[in-house]
Amino acid sequence: MKPATRKIVTAVTTFSVALSIGFVMQYGDAVAARLGIDEPIGGPDGRTQVSIPASAVTTNNVAVVPPLMAPRATSDTMQTANIPQELATPTLQMPELTAALDLGAASTMIQPPEMQSPKVTVCNPSMTATALPMAMVQLQLAGDCHKSAPVSIHHQGMIFSAMTDADGKLSVDVPALSRDALFIADFNSGKAAAASVTVPDLDKVDRAVLQWQGDDGVQLHALEFGAGYNDAGHIWSASTGTFDQAQDGQGGFFVSLGDVAVSDTLRAEVYTFPSGTSARDGQVILNVEAEVTSRNCGRDVSAQSIQIGPNNSVGAIDLTMTMPGCDAIGEFLVLKNMFADLTLAAK
């Protein structure tokens, strides 16, 4: 969907702030000051502003066969018959047993074969974590008993859905949110795996996470150093930036997490800027957009932001708001205040 054709609406927003996994926060006047009426972002498409009332936003079984019993003979059923000699059953001549017969060996020969117990397969998934540049972590998950299976990855309050392959394996690169990073892979079946790793360069990046569930239609956008929508510095899911550019301190990069093949998938979008090695002075504007679609019009939409950085304490904000009616399909709500913008100095 091309941004130039968007009709933008801006919401008067009231946020419900909640405790997130791994975070204990207090919000007071400082947060209240950040949340309010957002101004539309200027751009080549002439965005318009439409006010939304504050009241619209809230924040193996075995069968045992019995032995067959022959009927007992009684005096009433026992009869004598004279059988002609030529029809009489011949007498079977048994061989003589010799004194050398080994009774022990004979006994052994008639023993039934030994039954082998079935092998029991132990199904415990395992996971490893390896630190990568730019505070990224590569996770390698293996679960022989979880082939082509959905799994939820948890890390410091961030959660996203993934799917193992036909061999029960998964490899995914995840942005770290803590220096001593713990990751948990939960198959929602009583089985889970965990891995931890130290991320030495976490203090050199700013990182913003937007997460939600299903098809709520929310998006994270970063506008770097004065860029407008569709400009080179507009970093989002359709224009993700490059890892090499970030390593050079020239710009940020974008990672999308969450496998849409999983029903009601948990999704996350993560923007990273190398603030500790920035080659430029300037500002990065961080916005959230919520598109009005046929799947969410007129109903509540929920999302959560998580933000970390060298100059920012860890913070998270939960958002629940009622989307406009279905006559507004195709329009966007611009929510600027779910993240703090970044002010950068060249290093």
Protein backbone atom coordinates (compact mmCIF):
# COMPACT_ATOMS: atom_id res chain seq x y z
CA MET A 1 0.00 0.00 0.00
CA LYS A 2 1.62 3.22 -1.14
CA PRO A 3 1.83 5.94 1.51
CA ALA A 4 1.19 8.66 -1.11
CA THR A 5 -2.40 7.49 -1.45
CA ARG A 6 -3.08 7.43 2.28
CA LYS A 7 -5.63 9.54 3.98
CA ILE A 8 -4.32 10.14 7.47
CA VAL A 9 -6.43 10.76 10.52
CA THR A 10 -5.04 11.65 13.92
CA ALA A 11 -6.55 10.39 17.13
CA VAL A 12 -6.95 12.11 20.46
CA THR A 13 -5.33 9.29 22.43
CA THR A 14 -5.71 8.06 25.96
CA PHE A 15 -3.43 5.15 26.85
CA SER A 16 -3.90 2.46 29.46
CA VAL A 17 -0.52 1.78 31.03
CA ALA A 18 0.09 -1.74 32.35
CA LEU A 19 2.84 -3.91 33.77
CA SER A 20 4.70 -5.80 31.05
CA ILE A 21 6.58 -9.09 31.39
CA GLY A 22 9.96 -8.24 32.83
CA PHE A 23 9.18 -4.64 33.57
CA VAL A 24 8.00 -2.75 36.63
CA MET A 25 7.24 0.86 35.78
CA GLN A 26 5.45 3.86 37.11
CA TYR A 27 3.93 6.49 34.91
CA GLY A 28 2.91 9.89 36.12
CA ASP A 29 2.94 13.43 34.86
CA ALA A 30 5.89 12.78 32.52
CA VAL A 31 3.89 10.20 30.57
CA ALA A 32 0.74 12.21 30.68
CA ALA A 33 2.59 15.09 29.11
CA ARG A 34 3.71 12.87 26.24
CA LEU A 35 0.23 11.62 25.40
CA GLY A 36 -2.22 13.91 23.71
CA ILE A 37 -3.32 15.21 20.34
CA ASP A 38 -0.82 14.32 17.64
CA GLU A 39 -0.15 16.64 14.77
CA PRO A 40 -0.29 15.08 11.28
CA ILE A 41 3.09 14.45 9.72
CA GLY A 42 3.72 16.75 6.80
CA GLY A 43 4.44 15.10 3.48
CA PRO A 44 3.87 15.17 -0.26
CA ASP A 45 0.41 13.63 -0.04
CA GLY A 46 -1.27 16.51 1.80
CA ARG A 47 -2.44 14.57 4.80
CA THR A 48 -5.60 15.75 6.44
CA GLN A 49 -6.53 15.70 10.12
CA VAL A 50 -9.73 14.27 11.48
CA SER A 51 -10.38 14.36 15.20
CA ILE A 52 -11.52 11.19 16.95
CA PRO A 53 -13.37 11.68 20.25
CA ALA A 54 -11.35 10.70 23.30
CA SER A 55 -14.20 8.44 24.37
CA ALA A 56 -13.43 6.25 21.36
CA VAL A 57 -10.10 5.27 22.83
CA THR A 58 -9.71 2.89 25.75
CA THR A 59 -6.90 2.21 26.36
CA ASN A 60 -1.43 -48.90 22.99
CA ASN A 61 -4.31 -50.86 24.58
CA VAL A 62 -3.84 -54.73 24.80
CA ALA A 63 -6.89 -57.06 24.67
CA VAL A 64 -6.64 -60.16 26.89
CA VAL A 65 -8.37 -63.17 25.37
CA PRO A 66 -9.57 -65.73 27.98
CA PRO A 67 -8.37 -69.30 27.45
CA LEU A 68 -10.81 -71.64 25.77
CA MET A 69 -11.91 -74.37 28.22
CA ALA A 70 -12.85 -77.85 26.96
CA PRO A 71 -16.21 -79.02 28.34
CA ARG A 72 -15.89 -81.47 31.23
CA ALA A 73 -16.91 -85.02 30.33
CA THR A 74 -19.69 -86.46 32.48
CA SER A 75 -21.09 -89.95 32.89
CA ASP A 76 -24.01 -88.88 30.71
CA THR A 77 -21.77 -87.93 27.83
CA MET A 78 -19.23 -90.74 28.05
CA GLN A 79 -20.12 -93.66 25.69
CA THR A 80 -18.22 -96.78 24.61
CA ALA A 81 -17.92 -97.75 20.95
CA ASN A 82 -16.41 -100.88 19.40
CA ILE A 83 -13.88 -99.73 16.79
CA PRO A 84 -12.84 -102.32 14.12
CA GLN A 85 -9.23 -103.35 14.50
CA GLU A 86 -8.29 -102.13 11.05
CA LEU A 87 -9.58 -98.67 11.92
CA ALA A 88 -7.92 -98.47 15.30
CA THR A 89 -5.42 -95.74 15.77
CA PRO A 90 -1.88 -97.11 15.54
CA THR A 91 0.24 -96.95 18.63
CA LEU A 92 2.88 -94.23 18.48
CA GLN A 93 6.32 -95.56 19.40
CA MET A 94 8.20 -92.99 21.48
CA PRO A 95 12.01 -93.04 21.39
CA GLU A 96 13.73 -94.18 24.55
CA LEU A 97 15.24 -91.48 26.68
CA THR A 98 18.88 -92.10 27.37
CA ALA A 99 20.48 -91.61 30.71
CA ALA A 100 22.59 -88.88 29.18
CA LEU A 101 19.58 -86.62 28.57
CA ASP A 102 20.33 -83.15 29.81
CA LEU A 103 17.14 -82.12 31.52
CA GLY A 104 18.44 -78.61 32.08
CA ALA A 105 19.06 -78.12 28.39
CA ALA A 106 15.66 -79.52 27.55
CA SER A 107 14.08 -77.14 29.97
CA THR A 108 15.90 -74.26 28.37
CA MET A 109 14.79 -75.25 24.92
CA ILE A 110 11.12 -75.00 25.73
CA GLN A 111 11.29 -71.58 27.35
CA PRO A 112 9.43 -68.83 25.45
CA PRO A 113 11.54 -66.14 23.77
CA GLU A 114 12.45 -63.16 25.87
CA MET A 115 10.21 -60.15 25.25
CA GLN A 116 12.00 -56.88 24.45
CA SER A 117 10.66 -53.70 26.01
CA PRO A 118 9.81 -50.99 23.45
CA LYS A 119 12.23 -48.07 23.27
CA VAL A 120 10.97 -44.83 24.75
CA THR A 121 11.86 -41.66 22.84
CA VAL A 122 12.70 -38.67 24.99
CA CYS A 123 11.37 -35.47 23.44
CA ASN A 124 13.08 -32.50 25.02
CA PRO A 125 13.62 -29.51 22.73
CA SER A 126 16.94 -27.66 22.92
CA MET A 127 18.00 -24.15 21.97
CA THR A 128 21.26 -22.22 21.65
CA ALA A 129 21.83 -18.46 21.51
CA THR A 130 24.76 -16.74 19.79
CA ALA A 131 25.51 -13.02 20.00
CA LEU A 132 25.80 -11.18 16.67
CA PRO A 133 26.85 -7.62 15.81
CA MET A 134 24.43 -4.74 16.40
CA ALA A 135 23.08 -6.41 19.57
CA MET A 136 21.40 -9.18 17.58
CA VAL A 137 21.14 -12.80 18.76
CA GLN A 138 20.84 -15.90 16.60
CA LEU A 139 18.60 -18.60 18.08
CA GLN A 140 18.91 -22.23 16.95
CA LEU A 141 16.01 -24.42 18.13
CA ALA A 142 15.75 -28.21 17.70
CA GLY A 143 12.77 -30.37 18.70
CA ASP A 144 12.46 -33.80 17.08
CA CYS A 145 8.96 -34.24 18.47
CA HIS A 146 7.82 -30.80 17.33
CA LYS A 147 8.02 -30.91 13.55
CA SER A 148 6.22 -28.18 11.62
CA ALA A 149 4.92 -26.97 14.95
CA PRO A 150 4.12 -23.46 16.22
CA VAL A 151 6.28 -22.07 19.01
CA SER A 152 6.29 -18.78 20.93
CA ILE A 153 9.61 -17.03 21.55
CA HIS A 154 9.78 -14.92 24.73
CA HIS A 155 12.43 -12.33 25.55
CA GLN A 156 12.25 -9.50 28.07
CA GLY A 157 8.58 -8.81 27.47
CA MET A 158 8.74 -9.26 23.69
CA ILE A 159 6.80 -12.28 22.35
CA PHE A 160 6.41 -13.50 18.79
CA SER A 161 5.18 -16.66 17.04
CA ALA A 162 7.35 -18.90 14.84
CA MET A 163 7.09 -22.29 13.13
CA THR A 164 9.61 -25.14 13.14
CA ASP A 165 10.46 -26.83 9.85
CA ALA A 166 9.77 -30.45 8.80
CA ASP A 167 12.77 -31.58 10.89
CA GLY A 168 11.65 -29.72 14.00
CA LYS A 169 14.27 -26.99 13.62
CA LEU A 170 14.13 -23.21 13.68
CA SER A 171 16.75 -20.52 13.15
CA VAL A 172 15.90 -16.87 13.74
CA ASP A 173 17.83 -13.65 14.44
CA VAL A 174 16.29 -11.64 17.25
CA PRO A 175 17.09 -8.11 18.47
CA ALA A 176 18.21 -8.31 22.10
CA LEU A 177 16.56 -6.15 24.74
CA SER A 178 18.92 -6.87 27.64
CA ARG A 179 22.67 -7.37 28.02
CA ASP A 180 22.24 -10.67 29.89
CA ALA A 181 19.67 -11.97 27.45
CA LEU A 182 17.42 -14.94 28.23
CA PHE A 183 15.24 -16.48 25.53
CA ILE A 184 12.48 -19.07 26.05
CA ALA A 185 10.83 -21.18 23.33
CA ASP A 186 7.41 -22.41 24.46
CA PHE A 187 5.54 -25.07 22.48
CA ASN A 188 2.43 -24.64 24.64
CA SER A 189 2.44 -28.40 25.31
CA GLY A 190 4.36 -28.59 28.56
CA LYS A 191 7.64 -28.56 26.64
CA ALA A 192 9.97 -25.57 26.44
CA ALA A 193 13.61 -24.73 25.85
CA ALA A 194 15.72 -21.84 27.09
CA ALA A 195 19.04 -20.25 26.16
CA SER A 196 20.97 -17.24 27.41
CA VAL A 197 23.83 -15.16 26.08
CA THR A 198 25.68 -11.93 26.93
CA VAL A 199 25.16 -9.13 24.41
CA PRO A 200 28.17 -6.80 24.85
CA ASP A 201 27.14 -4.01 22.47
CA LEU A 202 23.57 -3.48 23.66
CA ASP A 203 24.50 -0.11 25.16
CA LYS A 204 25.39 1.20 21.71
CA VAL A 205 21.93 0.94 20.14
CA ASP A 206 18.51 2.50 20.50
CA ARG A 207 15.74 0.00 19.92
CA ALA A 208 11.96 0.35 19.53
CA VAL A 209 9.56 -2.62 19.53
CA LEU A 210 5.91 -2.58 18.49
CA GLN A 211 4.04 -5.82 19.12
CA TRP A 212 0.49 -7.02 18.67
CA GLN A 213 -1.58 -10.14 17.90
CA GLY A 214 -3.49 -11.13 14.78
CA ASP A 215 -4.51 -8.73 12.04
CA ASP A 216 -4.82 -5.50 13.98
CA GLY A 217 -3.19 -3.52 11.16
CA VAL A 218 -0.63 -1.54 13.17
CA GLN A 219 2.76 -0.47 11.81
CA LEU A 220 5.98 1.06 13.12
CA HIS A 221 7.62 3.85 11.13
CA ALA A 222 10.95 5.65 11.62
CA LEU A 223 11.71 8.93 9.83
CA GLU A 224 15.45 9.59 9.98
CA PHE A 225 17.11 13.00 9.84
CA GLY A 226 14.19 14.94 8.42
CA ALA A 227 13.00 12.31 5.93
CA GLY A 228 9.36 12.23 4.90
CA TYR A 229 7.24 9.29 3.90
CA ASN A 230 8.69 7.41 0.89
CA ASP A 231 12.05 9.17 1.27
CA ALA A 232 15.32 7.26 1.63
CA GLY A 233 15.30 7.76 5.41
CA HIS A 234 11.79 6.35 5.87
CA ILE A 235 12.45 2.95 7.54
CA TRP A 236 9.56 0.53 7.95
CA SER A 237 8.41 -2.99 6.93
CA ALA A 238 8.40 -2.07 3.22
CA SER A 239 11.81 -0.35 3.36
CA THR A 240 13.90 -1.98 6.07
CA GLY A 241 17.26 -0.22 5.73
CA THR A 242 20.47 -2.23 5.61
CA PHE A 243 22.60 -3.91 8.25
CA ASP A 244 25.79 -2.61 6.61
CA GLN A 245 24.50 0.96 6.72
CA ALA A 246 23.75 0.58 10.39
CA GLN A 247 27.24 -0.77 11.10
CA ASP A 248 28.66 2.34 9.46
CA GLY A 249 26.51 4.55 11.68
CA GLN A 250 24.60 6.00 8.73
CA GLY A 251 21.10 4.78 9.52
CA GLY A 252 18.87 2.27 11.25
CA PHE A 253 17.44 -1.08 10.24
CA PHE A 254 14.12 -2.86 10.67
CA VAL A 255 13.27 -6.46 11.66
CA SER A 256 9.83 -8.10 11.40
CA LEU A 257 9.09 -11.10 13.65
CA GLY A 258 6.10 -13.45 13.72
CA ASP A 259 5.12 -16.20 11.28
CA VAL A 260 1.77 -15.47 9.65
CA ALA A 261 1.28 -19.24 9.11
CA VAL A 262 0.51 -19.48 12.82
CA SER A 263 -3.14 -18.93 13.68
CA ASP A 264 -3.72 -15.64 15.52
CA THR A 265 0.01 -15.06 15.37
CA LEU A 266 1.96 -12.87 17.78
CA ARG A 267 3.91 -10.29 15.80
CA ALA A 268 6.60 -7.72 16.49
CA GLU A 269 8.34 -5.02 14.49
CA VAL A 270 11.71 -3.76 15.76
CA TYR A 271 13.61 -0.64 14.69
CA THR A 272 17.28 -0.30 15.68
CA PHE A 273 19.56 2.70 15.35
CA PRO A 274 23.30 2.54 16.21
CA SER A 275 23.25 5.61 18.42
CA GLY A 276 26.60 4.72 20.03
CA THR A 277 28.36 4.88 16.64
CA SER A 278 26.18 7.40 14.82
CA ALA A 279 27.98 9.27 12.05
CA ARG A 280 25.35 12.01 11.94
CA ASP A 281 23.68 14.57 14.10
CA GLY A 282 19.93 14.83 13.98
CA GLN A 283 16.63 13.34 15.01
CA VAL A 284 14.68 10.17 14.31
CA ILE A 285 10.89 10.44 14.56
CA LEU A 286 9.16 7.24 15.68
CA ASN A 287 5.47 6.84 14.84
CA VAL A 288 2.84 4.11 15.04
CA GLU A 289 0.11 3.92 12.43
CA ALA A 290 -3.10 1.92 12.73
CA GLU A 291 -4.85 1.28 9.42
CA VAL A 292 -8.64 1.02 9.40
CA THR A 293 -9.44 -2.29 7.69
CA SER A 294 -12.44 -4.55 7.23
CA ARG A 295 -10.99 -6.78 9.97
CA ASN A 296 -10.68 -4.13 12.65
CA CYS A 297 -13.13 -1.35 11.83
CA GLY A 298 -15.41 -0.50 14.72
CA ARG A 299 -13.67 -2.80 17.20
CA ASP A 300 -10.91 -2.57 19.79
CA VAL A 301 -7.29 -2.81 18.68
CA SER A 302 -4.46 -3.52 21.12
CA ALA A 303 -0.72 -3.06 20.80
CA GLN A 304 2.32 -2.56 23.02
CA SER A 305 5.49 -0.56 22.65
CA ILE A 306 8.85 -1.37 24.28
CA GLN A 307 11.79 1.01 24.01
CA ILE A 308 15.40 0.80 25.21
CA GLY A 309 18.49 2.91 24.63
CA PRO A 310 21.68 4.29 26.17
CA ASN A 311 19.92 7.45 27.24
CA ASN A 312 16.49 5.96 27.89
CA SER A 313 15.33 3.77 30.74
CA VAL A 314 13.42 0.65 29.70
CA GLY A 315 9.80 1.51 29.12
CA ALA A 316 6.62 -0.05 27.78
CA ILE A 317 3.18 1.31 26.99
CA ASP A 318 0.02 -0.70 26.36
CA LEU A 319 -2.57 0.71 23.97
CA THR A 320 -6.19 -0.29 23.54
CA MET A 321 -8.39 1.86 21.35
CA THR A 322 -11.60 1.61 19.41
CA MET A 323 -11.11 1.99 15.67
CA PRO A 324 -13.39 4.18 13.56
CA GLY A 325 -16.37 2.61 11.80
CA CYS A 326 -16.17 0.70 8.55
CA ASP A 327 -16.95 3.81 6.54
CA ALA A 328 -13.36 4.88 7.34
CA ILE A 329 -11.68 1.80 5.78
CA GLY A 330 -8.40 2.81 4.18
CA GLU A 331 -7.70 5.63 6.60
CA PHE A 332 -4.87 5.66 9.14
CA LEU A 333 -4.56 6.75 12.73
CA VAL A 334 -1.15 8.26 13.43
CA LEU A 335 0.04 7.67 16.99
CA LYS A 336 3.30 9.45 17.55
CA ASN A 337 3.55 9.25 21.31
CA MET A 338 3.98 5.52 21.87
CA PHE A 339 7.73 6.08 21.53
CA ALA A 340 10.16 8.83 22.46
CA ASP A 341 11.86 10.32 19.41
CA LEU A 342 15.63 9.93 19.18
CA THR A 343 18.02 12.89 19.33
CA LEU A 344 21.41 11.80 18.02
CA ALA A 345 24.90 13.22 18.10
CA ALA A 346 27.71 12.15 15.77
CA LYS A 347 30.35 10.02 17.46
